[in-house]
């Protein structure tokens, strides 16, 4: 991506402002992602079990990594199901 198209966007997470450079086309996604991250981090903080911002961030990252892994596994399973179904349909055409 070209640095020329990037502009600063300020997002607020756990009452702290972060300035991030991004393309205008990515701005909405960045803001929505920051809102979701803030929501998850607040939920962890408000549970009362974790108070350190660093630990909250790590717990949130672990939750997001686990969710990402689950989604990747599901996508892989769906792709395999589709491949099997296509093979079945192809075999029935023969």
N, C-alpha and C. Protein backbone atom coordinates (compact mmCIF):
# COMPACT_ATOMS: atom_id res chain seq x y z
N UNK A 1 0.84 -1.18 0.00
CA UNK A 1 0.00 0.00 0.00
C UNK A 1 0.88 1.24 0.00
N UNK A 2 0.43 2.20 -0.69
CA UNK A 2 1.18 3.44 -0.80
C UNK A 2 0.96 4.30 0.44
N UNK A 3 2.02 4.91 0.92
CA UNK A 3 1.95 5.78 2.09
C UNK A 3 1.13 7.03 1.76
N UNK A 4 1.02 7.40 0.48
CA UNK A 4 0.31 8.61 0.07
C UNK A 4 -1.17 8.52 0.41
N UNK A 5 -1.77 7.32 0.29
CA UNK A 5 -3.20 7.15 0.53
C UNK A 5 -3.56 6.98 2.00
N UNK A 6 -2.57 6.91 2.86
CA UNK A 6 -2.84 6.68 4.27
C UNK A 6 -3.09 8.00 5.01
N UNK A 7 -3.97 7.89 5.99
CA UNK A 7 -4.26 9.06 6.82
C UNK A 7 -4.44 8.58 8.26
N UNK A 8 -4.18 9.44 9.23
CA UNK A 8 -4.30 9.03 10.62
C UNK A 8 -5.76 8.92 11.06
N UNK A 9 -6.02 7.88 11.83
CA UNK A 9 -7.34 7.66 12.42
C UNK A 9 -7.10 7.41 13.91
N UNK A 10 -7.85 8.08 14.74
CA UNK A 10 -7.73 7.89 16.18
C UNK A 10 -8.86 6.98 16.65
N UNK A 11 -8.46 5.91 17.34
CA UNK A 11 -9.45 5.00 17.93
C UNK A 11 -9.25 5.01 19.43
N UNK A 12 -10.31 4.74 20.16
CA UNK A 12 -10.25 4.77 21.63
C UNK A 12 -10.53 3.37 22.14
N UNK A 13 -9.57 2.84 22.89
CA UNK A 13 -9.69 1.50 23.46
C UNK A 13 -9.35 1.59 24.94
N UNK A 14 -10.27 1.16 25.77
CA UNK A 14 -10.12 1.24 27.24
C UNK A 14 -9.68 2.63 27.69
N UNK A 15 -10.37 3.63 27.19
CA UNK A 15 -10.15 5.02 27.58
C UNK A 15 -8.78 5.57 27.19
N UNK A 16 -8.14 4.92 26.23
CA UNK A 16 -6.86 5.40 25.71
C UNK A 16 -6.99 5.60 24.21
N UNK A 17 -6.43 6.69 23.74
CA UNK A 17 -6.47 6.98 22.31
C UNK A 17 -5.25 6.39 21.62
N UNK A 18 -5.49 5.80 20.45
CA UNK A 18 -4.42 5.25 19.62
C UNK A 18 -4.57 5.82 18.22
N UNK A 19 -3.49 6.32 17.71
CA UNK A 19 -3.49 6.92 16.36
C UNK A 19 -2.90 5.88 15.40
N UNK A 20 -3.69 5.54 14.39
CA UNK A 20 -3.31 4.50 13.45
C UNK A 20 -3.40 5.05 12.04
N UNK A 21 -2.40 4.76 11.23
CA UNK A 21 -2.42 5.16 9.82
C UNK A 21 -3.14 4.07 9.02
N UNK A 22 -4.08 4.48 8.19
CA UNK A 22 -4.75 3.50 7.34
C UNK A 22 -5.30 4.18 6.10
N UNK A 23 -5.56 3.36 5.08
CA UNK A 23 -6.18 3.87 3.86
C UNK A 23 -7.62 4.27 4.17
N UNK A 24 -8.11 5.23 3.44
CA UNK A 24 -9.51 5.66 3.61
C UNK A 24 -10.45 4.47 3.43
N UNK A 25 -10.12 3.58 2.51
CA UNK A 25 -10.98 2.43 2.23
C UNK A 25 -11.02 1.44 3.41
N UNK A 26 -10.05 1.52 4.30
CA UNK A 26 -9.99 0.62 5.45
C UNK A 26 -10.48 1.27 6.74
N UNK A 27 -10.80 2.54 6.67
CA UNK A 27 -11.16 3.31 7.87
C UNK A 27 -12.34 2.70 8.63
N UNK A 28 -13.41 2.40 7.93
CA UNK A 28 -14.62 1.88 8.59
C UNK A 28 -14.31 0.55 9.29
N UNK A 29 -13.59 -0.32 8.60
CA UNK A 29 -13.23 -1.62 9.18
C UNK A 29 -12.37 -1.43 10.43
N UNK A 30 -11.42 -0.51 10.36
CA UNK A 30 -10.55 -0.23 11.51
C UNK A 30 -11.37 0.27 12.70
N UNK A 31 -12.25 1.21 12.47
CA UNK A 31 -13.07 1.78 13.55
C UNK A 31 -13.97 0.70 14.15
N UNK A 32 -14.61 -0.11 13.31
CA UNK A 32 -15.47 -1.18 13.80
C UNK A 32 -14.67 -2.22 14.58
N UNK A 33 -13.48 -2.53 14.10
CA UNK A 33 -12.61 -3.48 14.80
C UNK A 33 -12.20 -2.93 16.16
N UNK A 34 -11.86 -1.65 16.21
CA UNK A 34 -11.48 -1.02 17.46
C UNK A 34 -12.64 -1.02 18.45
N UNK A 35 -13.85 -0.77 17.97
CA UNK A 35 -15.02 -0.81 18.85
C UNK A 35 -15.24 -2.21 19.42
N UNK A 36 -15.09 -3.23 18.57
CA UNK A 36 -15.26 -4.61 19.02
C UNK A 36 -14.17 -4.98 20.04
N UNK A 37 -12.95 -4.56 19.77
CA UNK A 37 -11.85 -4.83 20.68
C UNK A 37 -12.09 -4.15 22.03
N UNK A 38 -12.51 -2.89 21.98
CA UNK A 38 -12.80 -2.15 23.21
C UNK A 38 -13.89 -2.86 24.01
N UNK A 39 -14.91 -3.32 23.33
CA UNK A 39 -16.01 -4.02 24.00
C UNK A 39 -15.52 -5.30 24.69
N UNK A 40 -14.70 -6.07 23.98
CA UNK A 40 -14.19 -7.32 24.55
C UNK A 40 -13.24 -7.05 25.72
N UNK A 41 -12.40 -6.04 25.57
CA UNK A 41 -11.46 -5.72 26.65
C UNK A 41 -12.20 -5.20 27.88
N UNK A 42 -13.24 -4.42 27.67
CA UNK A 42 -14.05 -3.92 28.80
C UNK A 42 -14.75 -5.08 29.52
N UNK A 43 -15.24 -6.05 28.74
CA UNK A 43 -15.91 -7.20 29.35
C UNK A 43 -14.93 -7.98 30.23
N UNK A 44 -13.70 -8.14 29.76
CA UNK A 44 -12.69 -8.84 30.56
C UNK A 44 -12.37 -8.03 31.81
N UNK A 45 -12.19 -6.73 31.65
CA UNK A 45 -11.88 -5.87 32.79
C UNK A 45 -13.03 -5.87 33.80
N UNK A 46 -14.27 -5.77 33.28
CA UNK A 46 -15.43 -5.68 34.17
C UNK A 46 -15.74 -6.99 34.88
N UNK A 47 -15.17 -8.10 34.40
CA UNK A 47 -15.38 -9.37 35.09
C UNK A 47 -14.69 -9.35 36.45
N UNK A 48 -13.73 -8.43 36.62
CA UNK A 48 -13.04 -8.27 37.89
C UNK A 48 -11.91 -9.24 38.12
N UNK A 49 -11.72 -10.18 37.21
CA UNK A 49 -10.67 -11.19 37.40
C UNK A 49 -9.31 -10.69 36.95
N UNK A 50 -9.30 -9.76 36.00
CA UNK A 50 -8.04 -9.23 35.46
C UNK A 50 -8.13 -7.71 35.49
N UNK A 51 -7.11 -7.07 36.06
CA UNK A 51 -7.16 -5.61 36.16
C UNK A 51 -6.05 -4.91 35.37
N UNK A 52 -4.94 -5.58 35.16
CA UNK A 52 -3.83 -4.97 34.43
C UNK A 52 -4.19 -4.85 32.96
N UNK A 53 -3.96 -3.67 32.39
CA UNK A 53 -4.27 -3.44 30.97
C UNK A 53 -3.51 -4.43 30.09
N UNK A 54 -2.26 -4.69 30.47
CA UNK A 54 -1.45 -5.64 29.70
C UNK A 54 -2.07 -7.03 29.73
N UNK A 55 -2.51 -7.48 30.89
CA UNK A 55 -3.12 -8.80 31.01
C UNK A 55 -4.47 -8.85 30.30
N UNK A 56 -5.21 -7.76 30.37
CA UNK A 56 -6.49 -7.69 29.65
C UNK A 56 -6.24 -7.83 28.16
N UNK A 57 -5.21 -7.14 27.66
CA UNK A 57 -4.88 -7.21 26.23
C UNK A 57 -4.47 -8.63 25.83
N UNK A 58 -3.68 -9.29 26.68
CA UNK A 58 -3.25 -10.66 26.38
C UNK A 58 -4.45 -11.61 26.39
N UNK A 59 -5.32 -11.48 27.38
CA UNK A 59 -6.51 -12.34 27.44
C UNK A 59 -7.40 -12.12 26.21
N UNK A 60 -7.55 -10.88 25.83
CA UNK A 60 -8.36 -10.56 24.65
C UNK A 60 -7.71 -11.15 23.40
N UNK A 61 -6.39 -11.01 23.28
CA UNK A 61 -5.68 -11.58 22.13
C UNK A 61 -5.84 -13.09 22.08
N UNK A 62 -5.76 -13.75 23.24
CA UNK A 62 -5.95 -15.20 23.28
C UNK A 62 -7.36 -15.59 22.86
N UNK A 63 -8.36 -14.84 23.33
CA UNK A 63 -9.74 -15.11 22.92
C UNK A 63 -9.92 -14.95 21.42
N UNK A 64 -9.36 -13.87 20.88
CA UNK A 64 -9.48 -13.63 19.44
C UNK A 64 -8.73 -14.68 18.63
N UNK A 65 -7.56 -15.11 19.12
CA UNK A 65 -6.79 -16.14 18.43
C UNK A 65 -7.55 -17.47 18.43
N UNK A 66 -8.17 -17.80 19.54
CA UNK A 66 -8.96 -19.03 19.62
C UNK A 66 -10.15 -18.97 18.67
N UNK A 67 -10.83 -17.82 18.64
CA UNK A 67 -11.96 -17.64 17.73
C UNK A 67 -11.52 -17.75 16.28
N UNK A 68 -10.39 -17.14 15.96
CA UNK A 68 -9.85 -17.20 14.60
C UNK A 68 -9.52 -18.63 14.21
N UNK A 69 -8.92 -19.37 15.12
CA UNK A 69 -8.56 -20.76 14.85
C UNK A 69 -9.82 -21.60 14.60
N UNK A 70 -10.84 -21.41 15.42
CA UNK A 70 -12.10 -22.13 15.26
C UNK A 70 -12.72 -21.84 13.90
N UNK A 71 -12.73 -20.57 13.51
CA UNK A 71 -13.30 -20.19 12.22
C UNK A 71 -12.52 -20.80 11.06
N UNK A 72 -11.20 -20.84 11.18
CA UNK A 72 -10.37 -21.46 10.14
C UNK A 72 -10.66 -22.95 10.02
N UNK A 73 -10.81 -23.61 11.16
CA UNK A 73 -11.13 -25.04 11.15
C UNK A 73 -12.50 -25.28 10.51
N UNK A 74 -13.48 -24.45 10.85
CA UNK A 74 -14.81 -24.58 10.27
C UNK A 74 -14.77 -24.36 8.77
N UNK A 75 -14.02 -23.35 8.34
CA UNK A 75 -13.90 -23.07 6.90
C UNK A 75 -13.27 -24.26 6.18
N UNK A 76 -12.26 -24.86 6.78
CA UNK A 76 -11.61 -26.02 6.19
C UNK A 76 -12.59 -27.19 6.08
N UNK A 77 -13.38 -27.42 7.13
CA UNK A 77 -14.37 -28.50 7.12
C UNK A 77 -15.43 -28.26 6.05
N UNK A 78 -15.89 -27.02 5.92
CA UNK A 78 -16.89 -26.70 4.90
C UNK A 78 -16.32 -26.90 3.50
N UNK A 79 -15.06 -26.51 3.31
CA UNK A 79 -14.42 -26.69 2.01
C UNK A 79 -14.32 -28.17 1.67
N UNK A 80 -13.99 -29.00 2.66
CA UNK A 80 -13.92 -30.44 2.43
C UNK A 80 -15.29 -31.01 2.08
N UNK A 81 -16.33 -30.54 2.77
CA UNK A 81 -17.69 -30.99 2.48
C UNK A 81 -18.09 -30.61 1.05
N UNK A 82 -17.76 -29.42 0.65
CA UNK A 82 -18.09 -28.97 -0.70
C UNK A 82 -17.33 -29.80 -1.73
N UNK A 83 -16.05 -30.05 -1.47
CA UNK A 83 -15.25 -30.88 -2.39
C UNK A 83 -15.84 -32.28 -2.53
N UNK A 84 -16.26 -32.86 -1.40
CA UNK A 84 -16.87 -34.20 -1.45
C UNK A 84 -18.16 -34.17 -2.24
N UNK A 85 -18.96 -33.14 -2.02
CA UNK A 85 -20.25 -33.04 -2.73
C UNK A 85 -20.02 -32.85 -4.22
N UNK A 86 -19.05 -32.05 -4.59
CA UNK A 86 -18.73 -31.86 -6.01
C UNK A 86 -18.27 -33.18 -6.63
N UNK A 87 -17.46 -33.92 -5.89
CA UNK A 87 -16.99 -35.23 -6.39
C UNK A 87 -18.16 -36.17 -6.58
N UNK A 88 -19.11 -36.16 -5.63
CA UNK A 88 -20.30 -37.02 -5.74
C UNK A 88 -21.12 -36.64 -6.97
N UNK A 89 -21.32 -35.34 -7.15
CA UNK A 89 -22.10 -34.88 -8.32
C UNK A 89 -21.40 -35.21 -9.62
N UNK A 90 -20.09 -35.05 -9.65
CA UNK A 90 -19.33 -35.38 -10.84
C UNK A 90 -19.42 -36.87 -11.14
N UNK A 91 -19.36 -37.69 -10.10
CA UNK A 91 -19.45 -39.14 -10.29
C UNK A 91 -20.82 -39.53 -10.79
N UNK A 92 -21.86 -38.86 -10.31
CA UNK A 92 -23.22 -39.19 -10.75
C UNK A 92 -23.46 -38.78 -12.20
N UNK A 93 -22.69 -37.80 -12.68
CA UNK A 93 -22.82 -37.37 -14.08
C UNK A 93 -22.14 -38.36 -15.03
N UNK A 94 -21.15 -39.10 -14.53
CA UNK A 94 -20.42 -40.05 -15.36
C UNK A 94 -21.19 -41.28 -15.65
